[in-house]
Amino acid sequence: MKNLLFSGSAVKFRQLSALLTFLIFSPVPVLLADNNIVYSFGVVPQFDSKRIQEIWQPILEQLQKQTGVQFSLQGSRNIPQFEQEFLQGKFDFVYMNPYHIIMANQQQGYIPFARDIGKHLYGILVVRKDSPIDTINALEGRTLAFPAANALAASLMPRALLADKFNISIKAKYVNTHTSVYLNVALGLVAAGGGVQKTLAQQKPEVRDALRVLFKTQSVAPHPVCVHPRVPQGVRQRVQEAFLALGRTESGKKLLARIPIQQVGPASLTDYTPIQQLGLDKLYQKTSL
């Protein structure tokens, strides 16, 4: 009987040892540690919700495979709603415009950790390809479409230049997304519209080919991927490392290119401090919480 008891105990001990060895030398602790936590991931609504889902869900799935961290992609109806949400700290991780990170850091302490380091962001004004408008001065008194009052490169920067540099008065029409801006211009509903080169390039050919760029603004560091300070440091680091690692594989590069990010690299808050010198505060419309 004693031998049987000893044999049973030895088996249990060996099983327990094997389990401990497996837990120590496998990625399972990562999965277990975050198994009951789902981190929200917000995206500035430059496109319609379907397009954002198609771009970002495969990226989040890949990050989850690499880190064990679970994500939930959170949609925002429009940019004003998106601003309310990040100012309230709704998102654990978030992809936002460069002016937003200044606001988000001041209000909630969001920290940028990745961006496209191979290019800079600038705004554009587009008109119909067959439009008689060929100078900035011809926009005086006209109605222009913008995605939102506070969209940085697509609205704040061109409107600031029109007012401050060219002394031109316009009527602004806010249409929620970049895609809607381009459609409004292509259909002749407005004289011109504000956007950015990357979203123009992603439009359907029948829309993109109906437009031409009238004007470009100055350049700033592009959209960062950011994290809320409440996210544990270990999780932040794993997600950052995995996000940057996407840029080292062909499949990962293809995923990032759809954002679009061509050359992913680390980001810091100092990348975005020059934006505070553009004098955009006078045009920015505060979102009530």
C-alpha atoms as a PDB file:
ATOM      1  CA  MET A   1       0.000   0.000   0.000  1.00  0.00           C
ATOM      2  CA  LYS A   2       2.828   2.410   0.935  1.00  0.00           C
ATOM      3  CA  ASN A   3       4.481   1.703  -2.431  1.00  0.00           C
ATOM      4  CA  LEU A   4       1.228   2.444  -4.230  1.00  0.00           C
ATOM      5  CA  LEU A   5       0.786   5.739  -2.356  1.00  0.00           C
ATOM      6  CA  PHE A   6       4.386   6.686  -3.026  1.00  0.00           C
ATOM      7  CA  SER A   7       4.022   5.770  -6.689  1.00  0.00           C
ATOM      8  CA  GLY A   8       0.864   7.938  -6.993  1.00  0.00           C
ATOM      9  CA  SER A   9       2.570  10.851  -5.283  1.00  0.00           C
ATOM     10  CA  ALA A  10       5.594  10.529  -7.525  1.00  0.00           C
ATOM     11  CA  VAL A  11       3.397  10.596 -10.622  1.00  0.00           C
ATOM     12  CA  LYS A  12       1.600  13.715  -9.390  1.00  0.00           C
ATOM     13  CA  PHE A  13       4.951  15.337  -8.563  1.00  0.00           C
ATOM     14  CA  ARG A  14       6.309  14.589 -12.038  1.00  0.00           C
ATOM     15  CA  GLN A  15       3.112  15.969 -13.612  1.00  0.00           C
ATOM     16  CA  LEU A  16       3.348  19.134 -11.527  1.00  0.00           C
ATOM     17  CA  SER A  17       7.020  19.569 -12.412  1.00  0.00           C
ATOM     18  CA  ALA A  18       6.268  19.143 -16.105  1.00  0.00           C
ATOM     19  CA  LEU A  19       3.485  21.728 -15.881  1.00  0.00           C
ATOM     20  CA  LEU A  20       5.731  24.241 -14.114  1.00  0.00           C
ATOM     21  CA  THR A  21       8.483  23.686 -16.675  1.00  0.00           C
ATOM     22  CA  PHE A  22       5.980  24.257 -19.498  1.00  0.00           C
ATOM     23  CA  LEU A  23       4.691  27.474 -17.938  1.00  0.00           C
ATOM     24  CA  ILE A  24       8.188  28.830 -17.344  1.00  0.00           C
ATOM     25  CA  PHE A  25       9.593  28.107 -20.776  1.00  0.00           C
ATOM     26  CA  SER A  26       6.556  28.822 -22.967  1.00  0.00           C
ATOM     27  CA  PRO A  27       4.585  31.973 -23.850  1.00  0.00           C
ATOM     28  CA  VAL A  28       1.554  30.693 -21.937  1.00  0.00           C
ATOM     29  CA  PRO A  29       2.063  33.104 -18.961  1.00  0.00           C
ATOM     30  CA  VAL A  30       1.603  35.991 -21.388  1.00  0.00           C
ATOM     31  CA  LEU A  31      -1.683  34.539 -22.523  1.00  0.00           C
ATOM     32  CA  LEU A  32      -2.813  33.752 -18.998  1.00  0.00           C
ATOM     33  CA  ALA A  33      -1.834  37.156 -17.655  1.00  0.00           C
ATOM     34  CA  ASP A  34      -3.976  38.975 -20.201  1.00  0.00           C
ATOM     35  CA  ASN A  35      -6.626  36.326 -20.733  1.00  0.00           C
ATOM     36  CA  ASN A  36      -9.358  38.277 -18.966  1.00  0.00           C
ATOM     37  CA  ILE A  37      -8.365  41.711 -20.264  1.00  0.00           C
ATOM     38  CA  VAL A  38      -9.429  43.088 -23.632  1.00  0.00           C
ATOM     39  CA  TYR A  39      -7.725  46.345 -24.590  1.00  0.00           C
ATOM     40  CA  SER A  40      -9.723  48.839 -26.623  1.00  0.00           C
ATOM     41  CA  PHE A  41      -8.135  50.176 -29.816  1.00  0.00           C
ATOM     42  CA  GLY A  42      -9.482  53.376 -31.343  1.00  0.00           C
ATOM     43  CA  VAL A  43      -8.831  54.722 -34.838  1.00  0.00           C
ATOM     44  CA  VAL A  44      -9.394  58.257 -36.096  1.00  0.00           C
ATOM     45  CA  PRO A  45     -12.320  57.936 -38.552  1.00  0.00           C
ATOM     46  CA  GLN A  46     -10.649  59.075 -41.764  1.00  0.00           C
ATOM     47  CA  PHE A  47     -12.558  56.391 -43.648  1.00  0.00           C
ATOM     48  CA  ASP A  48     -15.955  54.768 -43.272  1.00  0.00           C
ATOM     49  CA  SER A  49     -16.277  52.113 -40.572  1.00  0.00           C
ATOM     50  CA  LYS A  50     -16.131  49.191 -43.013  1.00  0.00           C
ATOM     51  CA  ARG A  51     -12.826  50.381 -44.458  1.00  0.00           C
ATOM     52  CA  ILE A  52     -11.338  50.930 -40.996  1.00  0.00           C
ATOM     53  CA  GLN A  53     -12.391  47.402 -40.004  1.00  0.00           C
ATOM     54  CA  GLU A  54     -10.770  45.938 -43.135  1.00  0.00           C
ATOM     55  CA  ILE A  55      -7.501  47.782 -42.493  1.00  0.00           C
ATOM     56  CA  TRP A  56      -7.080  47.419 -38.747  1.00  0.00           C
ATOM     57  CA  GLN A  57      -8.676  44.114 -37.746  1.00  0.00           C
ATOM     58  CA  PRO A  58      -5.984  41.985 -39.492  1.00  0.00           C
ATOM     59  CA  ILE A  59      -3.290  44.104 -37.815  1.00  0.00           C
ATOM     60  CA  LEU A  60      -4.817  43.625 -34.366  1.00  0.00           C
ATOM     61  CA  GLU A  61      -5.165  39.892 -34.980  1.00  0.00           C
ATOM     62  CA  GLN A  62      -1.475  39.700 -35.875  1.00  0.00           C
ATOM     63  CA  LEU A  63      -0.496  41.715 -32.786  1.00  0.00           C
ATOM     64  CA  GLN A  64      -2.584  39.374 -30.637  1.00  0.00           C
ATOM     65  CA  LYS A  65      -0.810  36.336 -32.088  1.00  0.00           C
ATOM     66  CA  GLN A  66       2.587  37.861 -31.341  1.00  0.00           C
ATOM     67  CA  THR A  67       1.854  39.193 -27.854  1.00  0.00           C
ATOM     68  CA  GLY A  68      -1.098  37.300 -26.383  1.00  0.00           C
ATOM     69  CA  VAL A  69      -2.757  40.679 -25.790  1.00  0.00           C
ATOM     70  CA  GLN A  70      -6.427  40.809 -26.777  1.00  0.00           C
ATOM     71  CA  PHE A  71      -7.836  43.845 -28.586  1.00  0.00           C
ATOM     72  CA  SER A  72     -11.265  45.200 -29.393  1.00  0.00           C
ATOM     73  CA  LEU A  73     -11.444  47.614 -32.337  1.00  0.00           C
ATOM     74  CA  GLN A  74     -13.625  50.561 -31.317  1.00  0.00           C
ATOM     75  CA  GLY A  75     -15.363  52.605 -33.990  1.00  0.00           C
ATOM     76  CA  SER A  76     -16.215  56.297 -33.779  1.00  0.00           C
ATOM     77  CA  ARG A  77     -19.023  57.790 -35.846  1.00  0.00           C
ATOM     78  CA  ASN A  78     -17.073  60.934 -36.732  1.00  0.00           C
ATOM     79  CA  ILE A  79     -14.060  62.975 -35.651  1.00  0.00           C
ATOM     80  CA  PRO A  80     -15.912  65.080 -33.016  1.00  0.00           C
ATOM     81  CA  GLN A  81     -17.114  61.885 -31.331  1.00  0.00           C
ATOM     82  CA  PHE A  82     -13.612  60.419 -31.605  1.00  0.00           C
ATOM     83  CA  GLU A  83     -12.217  63.507 -29.867  1.00  0.00           C
ATOM     84  CA  GLN A  84     -14.715  63.236 -27.032  1.00  0.00           C
ATOM     85  CA  GLU A  85     -13.782  59.590 -26.581  1.00  0.00           C
ATOM     86  CA  PHE A  86     -10.001  60.003 -26.383  1.00  0.00           C
ATOM     87  CA  LEU A  87     -10.324  63.110 -24.191  1.00  0.00           C
ATOM     88  CA  GLN A  88     -12.361  60.956 -21.811  1.00  0.00           C
ATOM     89  CA  GLY A  89      -9.680  58.238 -22.001  1.00  0.00           C
ATOM     90  CA  LYS A  90     -11.962  55.661 -23.634  1.00  0.00           C
ATOM     91  CA  PHE A  91      -9.213  53.971 -25.661  1.00  0.00           C
ATOM     92  CA  ASP A  92      -6.323  51.921 -24.290  1.00  0.00           C
ATOM     93  CA  PHE A  93      -4.530  52.141 -27.636  1.00  0.00           C
ATOM     94  CA  VAL A  94      -5.354  54.637 -30.365  1.00  0.00           C
ATOM     95  CA  TYR A  95      -4.239  55.800 -33.802  1.00  0.00           C
ATOM     96  CA  MET A  96      -4.741  59.563 -34.048  1.00  0.00           C
ATOM     97  CA  ASN A  97      -3.632  62.675 -35.875  1.00  0.00           C
ATOM     98  CA  PRO A  98      -0.596  64.690 -34.729  1.00  0.00           C
ATOM     99  CA  TYR A  99      -2.622  67.529 -33.218  1.00  0.00           C
ATOM    100  CA  HIS A 100      -4.776  65.037 -31.340  1.00  0.00           C
ATOM    101  CA  ILE A 101      -1.774  63.566 -29.533  1.00  0.00           C
ATOM    102  CA  ILE A 102      -0.943  67.008 -28.112  1.00  0.00           C
ATOM    103  CA  MET A 103      -4.497  67.255 -26.759  1.00  0.00           C
ATOM    104  CA  ALA A 104      -4.607  63.622 -25.638  1.00  0.00           C
ATOM    105  CA  ASN A 105      -1.309  63.856 -23.803  1.00  0.00           C
ATOM    106  CA  GLN A 106      -2.332  67.018 -21.966  1.00  0.00           C
ATOM    107  CA  GLN A 107      -5.749  65.634 -21.011  1.00  0.00           C
ATOM    108  CA  GLN A 108      -5.086  61.936 -20.415  1.00  0.00           C
ATOM    109  CA  GLY A 109      -1.328  61.377 -20.663  1.00  0.00           C
ATOM    110  CA  TYR A 110      -1.440  59.314 -23.889  1.00  0.00           C
ATOM    111  CA  ILE A 111       2.041  58.364 -25.127  1.00  0.00           C
ATOM    112  CA  PRO A 112       2.980  57.924 -28.824  1.00  0.00           C
ATOM    113  CA  PHE A 113       5.038  54.794 -29.504  1.00  0.00           C
ATOM    114  CA  ALA A 114       5.027  54.166 -33.267  1.00  0.00           C
ATOM    115  CA  ARG A 115       4.674  56.142 -36.497  1.00  0.00           C
ATOM    116  CA  ASP A 116       5.790  56.263 -40.103  1.00  0.00           C
ATOM    117  CA  ILE A 117       9.361  57.570 -39.898  1.00  0.00           C
ATOM    118  CA  GLY A 118       9.852  57.644 -43.660  1.00  0.00           C
ATOM    119  CA  LYS A 119       7.579  60.573 -44.463  1.00  0.00           C
ATOM    120  CA  HIS A 120       5.746  63.592 -43.095  1.00  0.00           C
ATOM    121  CA  LEU A 121       2.092  64.604 -43.133  1.00  0.00           C
ATOM    122  CA  TYR A 122       0.803  67.552 -45.089  1.00  0.00           C
ATOM    123  CA  GLY A 123      -2.626  68.766 -46.085  1.00  0.00           C
ATOM    124  CA  ILE A 124      -3.976  69.271 -49.580  1.00  0.00           C
ATOM    125  CA  LEU A 125      -6.798  71.216 -51.170  1.00  0.00           C
ATOM    126  CA  VAL A 126      -8.386  69.434 -54.130  1.00  0.00           C
ATOM    127  CA  VAL A 127     -10.703  70.653 -56.867  1.00  0.00           C
ATOM    128  CA  ARG A 128     -12.404  68.902 -59.748  1.00  0.00           C
ATOM    129  CA  LYS A 129      -9.979  68.166 -62.544  1.00  0.00           C
ATOM    130  CA  ASP A 130     -12.108  70.247 -64.926  1.00  0.00           C
ATOM    131  CA  SER A 131     -12.630  73.113 -62.454  1.00  0.00           C
ATOM    132  CA  PRO A 132     -11.710  76.626 -63.637  1.00  0.00           C
ATOM    133  CA  ILE A 133     -10.166  77.276 -60.205  1.00  0.00           C
ATOM    134  CA  ASP A 134      -6.397  77.332 -60.636  1.00  0.00           C
ATOM    135  CA  THR A 135      -5.221  79.694 -57.870  1.00  0.00           C
ATOM    136  CA  ILE A 136      -5.787  79.930 -54.129  1.00  0.00           C
ATOM    137  CA  ASN A 137      -7.248  83.423 -54.525  1.00  0.00           C
ATOM    138  CA  ALA A 138     -10.085  81.993 -56.612  1.00  0.00           C
ATOM    139  CA  LEU A 139     -11.409  80.290 -53.460  1.00  0.00           C
ATOM    140  CA  GLU A 140     -12.455  83.616 -51.925  1.00  0.00           C
ATOM    141  CA  GLY A 141     -16.034  83.337 -50.670  1.00  0.00           C
ATOM    142  CA  ARG A 142     -16.430  79.742 -51.917  1.00  0.00           C
ATOM    143  CA  THR A 143     -17.709  76.731 -49.977  1.00  0.00           C
ATOM    144  CA  LEU A 144     -15.034  74.156 -49.155  1.00  0.00           C
ATOM    145  CA  ALA A 145     -15.569  70.680 -47.671  1.00  0.00           C
ATOM    146  CA  PHE A 146     -13.510  69.365 -44.744  1.00  0.00           C
ATOM    147  CA  PRO A 147     -13.828  66.104 -42.794  1.00  0.00           C
ATOM    148  CA  ALA A 148     -14.181  67.998 -39.488  1.00  0.00           C
ATOM    149  CA  ALA A 149     -13.232  71.314 -37.957  1.00  0.00           C
ATOM    150  CA  ASN A 150     -10.375  69.748 -36.010  1.00  0.00           C
ATOM    151  CA  ALA A 151      -8.887  67.391 -38.608  1.00  0.00           C
ATOM    152  CA  LEU A 152      -5.265  68.531 -38.562  1.00  0.00           C
ATOM    153  CA  ALA A 153      -3.791  68.347 -42.068  1.00  0.00           C
ATOM    154  CA  ALA A 154      -7.125  68.120 -43.862  1.00  0.00           C
ATOM    155  CA  SER A 155      -8.782  71.082 -42.117  1.00  0.00           C
ATOM    156  CA  LEU A 156      -6.891  73.050 -39.455  1.00  0.00           C
ATOM    157  CA  MET A 157      -3.679  73.537 -41.429  1.00  0.00           C
ATOM    158  CA  PRO A 158      -5.218  74.558 -44.783  1.00  0.00           C
ATOM    159  CA  ARG A 159      -7.791  76.820 -43.129  1.00  0.00           C
ATOM    160  CA  ALA A 160      -5.069  78.498 -41.071  1.00  0.00           C
ATOM    161  CA  LEU A 161      -2.999  79.119 -44.211  1.00  0.00           C
ATOM    162  CA  LEU A 162      -5.988  80.461 -46.153  1.00  0.00           C
ATOM    163  CA  ALA A 163      -6.760  82.913 -43.362  1.00  0.00           C
ATOM    164  CA  ASP A 164      -3.284  83.885 -42.169  1.00  0.00           C
ATOM    165  CA  LYS A 165      -1.098  83.688 -45.274  1.00  0.00           C
ATOM    166  CA  PHE A 166      -3.549  84.454 -48.067  1.00  0.00           C
ATOM    167  CA  ASN A 167      -6.189  86.467 -46.175  1.00  0.00           C
ATOM    168  CA  ILE A 168      -8.961  84.466 -47.869  1.00  0.00           C
ATOM    169  CA  SER A 169     -12.423  83.965 -46.387  1.00  0.00           C
ATOM    170  CA  ILE A 170     -14.282  80.739 -47.137  1.00  0.00           C
ATOM    171  CA  LYS A 171     -17.415  78.891 -46.034  1.00  0.00           C
ATOM    172  CA  ALA A 172     -16.554  75.567 -44.390  1.00  0.00           C
ATOM    173  CA  LYS A 173     -18.756  72.484 -44.788  1.00  0.00           C
ATOM    174  CA  TYR A 174     -17.883  69.577 -42.492  1.00  0.00           C
ATOM    175  CA  VAL A 175     -18.764  66.163 -43.940  1.00  0.00           C
ATOM    176  CA  ASN A 176     -17.327  63.695 -41.353  1.00  0.00           C
ATOM    177  CA  THR A 177     -14.758  61.729 -43.415  1.00  0.00           C
ATOM    178  CA  HIS A 178     -12.051  62.268 -46.009  1.00  0.00           C
ATOM    179  CA  THR A 179     -13.941  60.039 -48.425  1.00  0.00           C
ATOM    180  CA  SER A 180     -16.989  62.295 -48.122  1.00  0.00           C
ATOM    181  CA  VAL A 181     -14.827  65.353 -48.852  1.00  0.00           C
ATOM    182  CA  TYR A 182     -13.577  63.878 -52.107  1.00  0.00           C
ATOM    183  CA  LEU A 183     -17.071  62.793 -53.143  1.00  0.00           C
ATOM    184  CA  ASN A 184     -18.463  66.272 -52.471  1.00  0.00           C
ATOM    185  CA  VAL A 185     -15.772  67.818 -54.662  1.00  0.00           C
ATOM    186  CA  ALA A 186     -16.060  65.200 -57.420  1.00  0.00           C
ATOM    187  CA  LEU A 187     -19.845  65.686 -57.567  1.00  0.00           C
ATOM    188  CA  GLY A 188     -19.479  69.451 -57.768  1.00  0.00           C
ATOM    189  CA  LEU A 189     -21.285  70.083 -54.485  1.00  0.00           C
ATOM    190  CA  VAL A 190     -18.411  72.293 -53.233  1.00  0.00           C
ATOM    191  CA  ALA A 191     -15.666  74.267 -54.935  1.00  0.00           C
ATOM    192  CA  ALA A 192     -12.798  72.470 -53.194  1.00  0.00           C
ATOM    193  CA  GLY A 193     -12.032  70.222 -50.269  1.00  0.00           C
ATOM    194  CA  GLY A 194      -9.352  69.477 -47.707  1.00  0.00           C
ATOM    195  CA  GLY A 195      -7.667  66.101 -47.358  1.00  0.00           C
ATOM    196  CA  VAL A 196      -4.267  64.435 -47.241  1.00  0.00           C
ATOM    197  CA  GLN A 197      -2.310  62.755 -49.997  1.00  0.00           C
ATOM    198  CA  LYS A 198      -2.549  59.271 -48.512  1.00  0.00           C
ATOM    199  CA  THR A 199      -6.357  59.242 -48.260  1.00  0.00           C
ATOM    200  CA  LEU A 200      -6.703  60.723 -51.752  1.00  0.00           C
ATOM    201  CA  ALA A 201      -4.511  57.921 -53.108  1.00  0.00           C
ATOM    202  CA  GLN A 202      -6.779  55.328 -51.480  1.00  0.00           C
ATOM    203  CA  GLN A 203      -9.984  56.508 -53.128  1.00  0.00           C
ATOM    204  CA  LYS A 204     -11.697  54.565 -55.893  1.00  0.00           C
ATOM    205  CA  PRO A 205     -10.203  55.423 -59.298  1.00  0.00           C
ATOM    206  CA  GLU A 206     -13.394  57.059 -60.544  1.00  0.00           C
ATOM    207  CA  VAL A 207     -13.240  59.523 -57.636  1.00  0.00           C
ATOM    208  CA  ARG A 208      -9.463  60.002 -57.417  1.00  0.00           C
ATOM    209  CA  ASP A 209      -9.050  60.532 -61.158  1.00  0.00           C
ATOM    210  CA  ALA A 210     -11.762  63.206 -61.176  1.00  0.00           C
ATOM    211  CA  LEU A 211      -9.716  65.423 -58.826  1.00  0.00           C
ATOM    212  CA  ARG A 212      -6.493  67.432 -58.885  1.00  0.00           C
ATOM    213  CA  VAL A 213      -4.425  68.941 -56.092  1.00  0.00           C
ATOM    214  CA  LEU A 214      -4.594  72.731 -55.993  1.00  0.00           C
ATOM    215  CA  PHE A 215      -2.408  73.388 -52.953  1.00  0.00           C
ATOM    216  CA  LYS A 216      -0.217  71.668 -50.338  1.00  0.00           C
ATOM    217  CA  THR A 217       0.446  72.805 -46.760  1.00  0.00           C
ATOM    218  CA  GLN A 218       3.670  72.578 -44.758  1.00  0.00           C
ATOM    219  CA  SER A 219       4.677  69.170 -43.362  1.00  0.00           C
ATOM    220  CA  VAL A 220       4.548  67.704 -39.840  1.00  0.00           C
ATOM    221  CA  ALA A 221       5.275  64.277 -38.317  1.00  0.00           C
ATOM    222  CA  PRO A 222       2.490  61.836 -39.303  1.00  0.00           C
ATOM    223  CA  HIS A 223      -0.161  60.048 -37.254  1.00  0.00           C
ATOM    224  CA  PRO A 224       1.163  58.125 -34.239  1.00  0.00           C
ATOM    225  CA  VAL A 225      -0.076  54.955 -32.575  1.00  0.00           C
ATOM    226  CA  CYS A 226      -0.466  55.798 -28.883  1.00  0.00           C
ATOM    227  CA  VAL A 227      -1.132  54.110 -25.561  1.00  0.00           C
ATOM    228  CA  HIS A 228      -2.928  55.269 -22.418  1.00  0.00           C
ATOM    229  CA  PRO A 229      -0.694  55.358 -19.315  1.00  0.00           C
ATOM    230  CA  ARG A 230      -3.080  53.025 -17.458  1.00  0.00           C
ATOM    231  CA  VAL A 231      -1.933  50.145 -19.683  1.00  0.00           C
ATOM    232  CA  PRO A 232       0.756  48.171 -17.797  1.00  0.00           C
ATOM    233  CA  GLN A 233       4.319  48.876 -18.895  1.00  0.00           C
ATOM    234  CA  GLY A 234       4.918  45.248 -19.835  1.00  0.00           C
ATOM    235  CA  VAL A 235       1.892  45.206 -22.130  1.00  0.00           C
ATOM    236  CA  ARG A 236       2.890  48.527 -23.707  1.00  0.00           C
ATOM    237  CA  GLN A 237       6.368  47.213 -24.442  1.00  0.00           C
ATOM    238  CA  ARG A 238       5.152  43.945 -25.959  1.00  0.00           C
ATOM    239  CA  VAL A 239       2.672  45.727 -28.197  1.00  0.00           C
ATOM    240  CA  GLN A 240       5.231  48.305 -29.321  1.00  0.00           C
ATOM    241  CA  GLU A 241       7.805  45.619 -30.113  1.00  0.00           C
ATOM    242  CA  ALA A 242       5.238  43.579 -32.037  1.00  0.00           C
ATOM    243  CA  PHE A 243       3.993  46.629 -33.954  1.00  0.00           C
ATOM    244  CA  LEU A 244       7.531  47.592 -34.967  1.00  0.00           C
ATOM    245  CA  ALA A 245       8.266  43.964 -35.864  1.00  0.00           C
ATOM    246  CA  LEU A 246       5.510  44.101 -38.503  1.00  0.00           C
ATOM    247  CA  GLY A 247       7.839  46.312 -40.503  1.00  0.00           C
ATOM    248  CA  ARG A 248      10.455  43.541 -40.669  1.00  0.00           C
ATOM    249  CA  THR A 249       8.357  41.004 -42.597  1.00  0.00           C
ATOM    250  CA  GLU A 250       6.784  41.207 -46.038  1.00  0.00           C
ATOM    251  CA  SER A 251       3.363  40.206 -44.738  1.00  0.00           C
ATOM    252  CA  GLY A 252       3.602  42.780 -41.953  1.00  0.00           C
ATOM    253  CA  LYS A 253       4.676  45.520 -44.365  1.00  0.00           C
ATOM    254  CA  LYS A 254       1.627  44.806 -46.498  1.00  0.00           C
ATOM    255  CA  LEU A 255      -0.641  45.178 -43.469  1.00  0.00           C
ATOM    256  CA  LEU A 256       0.979  48.468 -42.449  1.00  0.00           C
ATOM    257  CA  ALA A 257       0.886  49.822 -45.999  1.00  0.00           C
ATOM    258  CA  ARG A 258      -2.906  49.787 -45.872  1.00  0.00           C
ATOM    259  CA  ILE A 259      -2.973  52.287 -42.973  1.00  0.00           C
ATOM    260  CA  PRO A 260      -0.787  53.555 -44.745  1.00  0.00           C
ATOM    261  CA  ILE A 261       2.577  53.293 -42.970  1.00  0.00           C
ATOM    262  CA  GLN A 262       5.496  52.668 -45.297  1.00  0.00           C
ATOM    263  CA  GLN A 263       8.427  52.682 -42.835  1.00  0.00           C
ATOM    264  CA  VAL A 264       7.377  52.037 -39.263  1.00  0.00           C
ATOM    265  CA  GLY A 265       9.561  53.235 -36.408  1.00  0.00           C
ATOM    266  CA  PRO A 266       9.361  54.414 -32.799  1.00  0.00           C
ATOM    267  CA  ALA A 267       7.625  57.681 -31.916  1.00  0.00           C
ATOM    268  CA  SER A 268       7.954  60.073 -29.008  1.00  0.00           C
ATOM    269  CA  LEU A 269       6.073  63.143 -27.824  1.00  0.00           C
ATOM    270  CA  THR A 270       8.914  65.443 -28.900  1.00  0.00           C
ATOM    271  CA  ASP A 271       8.190  64.490 -32.531  1.00  0.00           C
ATOM    272  CA  TYR A 272       4.957  66.486 -32.230  1.00  0.00           C
ATOM    273  CA  THR A 273       5.868  69.547 -30.179  1.00  0.00           C
ATOM    274  CA  PRO A 274       6.539  71.682 -33.328  1.00  0.00           C
ATOM    275  CA  ILE A 275       2.811  71.485 -34.070  1.00  0.00           C
ATOM    276  CA  GLN A 276       2.178  73.759 -31.120  1.00  0.00           C
ATOM    277  CA  GLN A 277       3.954  76.531 -33.031  1.00  0.00           C
ATOM    278  CA  LEU A 278       1.523  76.523 -35.971  1.00  0.00           C
ATOM    279  CA  GLY A 279      -1.020  78.727 -34.196  1.00  0.00           C
ATOM    280  CA  LEU A 280      -3.918  76.331 -34.735  1.00  0.00           C
ATOM    281  CA  ASP A 281      -5.548  76.961 -31.362  1.00  0.00           C
ATOM    282  CA  LYS A 282      -7.623  79.854 -32.687  1.00  0.00           C
ATOM    283  CA  LEU A 283      -9.318  77.558 -35.232  1.00  0.00           C
ATOM    284  CA  TYR A 284      -9.643  74.489 -33.057  1.00  0.00           C
ATOM    285  CA  GLN A 285     -13.209  73.934 -31.850  1.00  0.00           C
ATOM    286  CA  LYS A 286     -13.278  72.541 -28.339  1.00  0.00           C
ATOM    287  CA  THR A 287     -15.361  69.431 -27.881  1.00  0.00           C
ATOM    288  CA  SER A 288     -17.584  69.515 -24.803  1.00  0.00           C
ATOM    289  CA  LEU A 289     -17.261  66.419 -22.603  1.00  0.00           C
END
